[in-house]
Amino acid sequence: MRRNDREITDRRAIDDIIRRSRVCRLGLCDGGQPYIVPMSFGYDGEALYFHAASQGRKIDVLTKNNRVCFEFDILHDVIRADRPCRWGMRYESVIGFGTAEHIWDLQAREKALACIMRQCGGLMDRSKRRRWRTRWSSGCGSMRSAAKHVCEIVAFLRPPP
């Protein structure tokens, strides 16, 4: 990082940025081509959780290469100036790298989905969990693949000028 004075190293501040984020941009490498996908996510303080269809480009790419990067950003504001080169942006962001692993265990998937729902602002009460578990175990659920991302996190802060 070029501007060390803007780096956030306090884990609580990093976790706060992640918890206030609504979208995670997940970066993958499809062969030699970068591929980035905005995704809903869950965060439990140690791992990121995403869900995806059981087939598709993300799953194909992760099957070949499970190394990922991710990015969160919040508090967007344009800093206006009298000259173009003085314009800027005010934001806070977290950037990290890690590896993805599929979650196959039904209880672990349920935990991951509950984590995603909490992050999105919805809670899964016990009756919804039971219905979801029944649908999923019968093969009719829409969430058939879950991935856990084990990660290292680096965070950046763009403070006011």
Protein backbone atom coordinates (compact mmCIF):
# COMPACT_ATOMS: atom_id res chain seq x y z
CA MET A 1 0.00 0.00 0.00
CA ARG A 2 1.43 3.33 -1.06
CA ARG A 3 -0.29 5.48 1.58
CA ASN A 4 0.46 3.72 4.88
CA ASP A 5 -1.02 6.69 6.75
CA ARG A 6 -4.44 5.66 5.43
CA GLU A 7 -4.23 1.97 6.27
CA ILE A 8 -6.60 0.57 8.89
CA THR A 9 -5.01 -2.10 11.04
CA ASP A 10 -7.51 -2.23 13.92
CA ARG A 11 -9.47 -5.46 13.48
CA ARG A 12 -12.59 -3.97 15.07
CA ALA A 13 -12.60 -1.14 12.52
CA ILE A 14 -12.11 -3.63 9.68
CA ASP A 15 -14.95 -5.81 10.96
CA ASP A 16 -17.16 -2.71 11.25
CA ILE A 17 -16.61 -1.83 7.58
CA ILE A 18 -17.44 -5.38 6.53
CA ARG A 19 -20.57 -5.49 8.69
CA ARG A 20 -21.82 -2.16 7.29
CA SER A 21 -21.25 -3.28 3.69
CA ARG A 22 -24.14 -4.59 1.63
CA VAL A 23 -22.17 -6.03 -1.29
CA CYS A 24 -18.89 -7.89 -1.55
CA ARG A 25 -17.04 -7.89 -4.84
CA LEU A 26 -15.49 -11.31 -5.25
CA GLY A 27 -12.50 -11.54 -7.58
CA LEU A 28 -11.67 -14.80 -9.31
CA CYS A 29 -9.20 -15.80 -12.00
CA ASP A 30 -10.75 -17.60 -14.96
CA GLY A 31 -7.68 -18.97 -16.68
CA GLY A 32 -5.63 -15.84 -17.19
CA GLN A 33 -8.66 -13.54 -17.20
CA PRO A 34 -9.77 -11.60 -14.09
CA TYR A 35 -13.45 -12.09 -13.22
CA ILE A 36 -15.23 -10.04 -10.56
CA VAL A 37 -18.73 -10.63 -9.23
CA PRO A 38 -20.76 -8.47 -6.83
CA MET A 39 -22.34 -10.80 -4.26
CA SER A 40 -24.45 -10.91 -1.15
CA PHE A 41 -22.43 -12.32 1.71
CA GLY A 42 -22.31 -13.29 5.34
CA TYR A 43 -19.48 -12.61 7.75
CA ASP A 44 -19.03 -14.28 11.13
CA GLY A 45 -15.85 -12.47 12.18
CA GLU A 46 -13.59 -15.18 10.81
CA ALA A 47 -14.90 -16.22 7.39
CA LEU A 48 -16.98 -14.88 4.53
CA TYR A 49 -19.91 -16.91 3.22
CA PHE A 50 -21.48 -16.68 -0.23
CA HIS A 51 -24.12 -18.70 -1.98
CA ALA A 52 -24.45 -19.53 -5.62
CA ALA A 53 -26.31 -21.80 -7.98
CA SER A 54 -24.91 -25.31 -8.21
CA GLN A 55 -23.78 -24.60 -11.76
CA GLY A 56 -22.39 -21.58 -13.51
CA ARG A 57 -19.25 -19.65 -14.20
CA LYS A 58 -18.37 -18.90 -10.54
CA ILE A 59 -18.56 -22.57 -9.59
CA ASP A 60 -16.62 -23.61 -12.70
CA VAL A 61 -13.86 -21.08 -11.97
CA LEU A 62 -13.66 -21.95 -8.25
CA THR A 63 -13.42 -25.65 -9.07
CA LYS A 64 -10.31 -24.95 -11.18
CA ASN A 65 -8.77 -22.23 -8.99
CA ASN A 66 -10.01 -21.55 -5.46
CA ARG A 67 -7.75 -18.54 -4.85
CA VAL A 68 -9.87 -15.41 -4.50
CA CYS A 69 -9.75 -11.76 -3.58
CA PHE A 70 -12.57 -9.65 -2.25
CA GLU A 71 -13.42 -6.00 -1.73
CA PHE A 72 -15.92 -4.04 0.37
CA ASP A 73 -16.45 -0.29 0.29
CA ILE A 74 -18.73 2.15 2.14
CA LEU A 75 -19.30 5.88 2.67
CA HIS A 76 -18.99 7.05 -0.92
CA ASP A 77 -18.63 10.77 -1.42
CA VAL A 78 -17.16 12.82 -4.23
CA ILE A 79 -14.69 15.50 -3.17
CA ARG A 80 -15.14 18.40 -5.56
CA ALA A 81 -12.39 20.88 -6.35
CA ASP A 82 -11.68 23.77 -8.68
CA ARG A 83 -9.24 21.72 -10.79
CA PRO A 84 -9.81 18.18 -12.15
CA CYS A 85 -6.62 16.78 -10.63
CA ARG A 86 -7.75 17.85 -7.16
CA TRP A 87 -11.06 15.92 -7.28
CA GLY A 88 -11.19 12.74 -5.26
CA MET A 89 -13.33 10.23 -3.41
CA ARG A 90 -14.03 9.69 0.26
CA TYR A 91 -14.63 6.06 1.20
CA GLU A 92 -13.56 3.23 3.46
CA SER A 93 -12.68 -0.14 2.01
CA VAL A 94 -11.45 -3.57 2.91
CA ILE A 95 -9.46 -5.67 0.47
CA GLY A 96 -8.46 -9.25 1.17
CA PHE A 97 -7.19 -12.47 -0.33
CA GLY A 98 -7.91 -16.07 0.47
CA THR A 99 -9.07 -19.46 -0.68
CA ALA A 100 -12.60 -20.71 -1.22
CA GLU A 101 -13.93 -24.06 -0.16
CA HIS A 102 -17.32 -25.60 -0.87
CA ILE A 103 -19.47 -26.41 2.12
CA TRP A 104 -21.15 -29.79 1.69
CA ASP A 105 -22.36 -30.51 5.23
CA LEU A 106 -26.06 -29.63 5.60
CA GLN A 107 -25.71 -28.12 9.09
CA ALA A 108 -22.74 -26.03 8.01
CA ARG A 109 -24.73 -24.81 4.99
CA GLU A 110 -27.62 -23.87 7.23
CA LYS A 111 -25.23 -21.91 9.46
CA ALA A 112 -23.78 -20.17 6.37
CA LEU A 113 -27.22 -19.22 5.06
CA ALA A 114 -28.24 -17.84 8.47
CA CYS A 115 -25.03 -15.79 8.48
CA ILE A 116 -25.81 -14.43 5.00
CA MET A 117 -29.38 -13.60 6.04
CA ARG A 118 -28.16 -11.73 9.14
CA GLN A 119 -25.79 -9.65 7.01
CA CYS A 120 -28.60 -8.83 4.58
CA GLY A 121 -30.81 -7.69 7.43
CA GLY A 122 -33.12 -10.69 7.55
CA LEU A 123 -33.32 -13.19 10.34
CA MET A 124 -34.15 -16.85 9.92
CA ASP A 125 -36.49 -17.93 12.67
CA ARG A 126 -36.69 -21.62 13.56
CA SER A 127 -39.80 -22.29 11.43
CA LYS A 128 -38.12 -20.83 8.32
CA ARG A 129 -34.99 -22.85 9.04
CA ARG A 130 -37.05 -26.05 9.26
CA ARG A 131 -38.83 -25.30 5.95
CA TRP A 132 -35.54 -24.39 4.30
CA ARG A 133 -33.85 -27.54 5.61
CA THR A 134 -36.70 -29.71 4.33
CA ARG A 135 -36.68 -28.09 0.87
CA TRP A 136 -32.93 -28.24 0.60
CA SER A 137 -32.55 -31.83 1.73
CA SER A 138 -35.22 -32.87 -0.78
CA GLY A 139 -33.25 -31.19 -3.58
CA CYS A 140 -35.81 -28.47 -4.32
CA GLY A 141 -34.07 -25.55 -2.63
CA SER A 142 -32.60 -22.71 -4.61
CA MET A 143 -29.40 -22.63 -2.57
CA ARG A 144 -27.44 -25.72 -3.43
CA SER A 145 -23.91 -24.48 -3.25
CA ALA A 146 -22.23 -22.52 -0.51
CA ALA A 147 -18.65 -21.44 -0.35
CA LYS A 148 -16.62 -20.41 2.66
CA HIS A 149 -13.75 -18.08 2.03
CA VAL A 150 -10.82 -18.39 4.39
CA CYS A 151 -9.13 -15.06 4.15
CA GLU A 152 -6.49 -12.57 5.05
CA ILE A 153 -7.78 -9.00 5.25
CA VAL A 154 -6.19 -5.67 4.44
CA ALA A 155 -8.24 -2.52 4.93
CA PHE A 156 -7.93 0.99 3.54
CA LEU A 157 -9.45 4.24 4.69
CA ARG A 158 -9.81 7.33 2.56
CA PRO A 159 -10.19 10.04 5.23
CA PRO A 160 -11.42 13.54 4.51
CA PRO A 161 -8.68 15.79 3.06
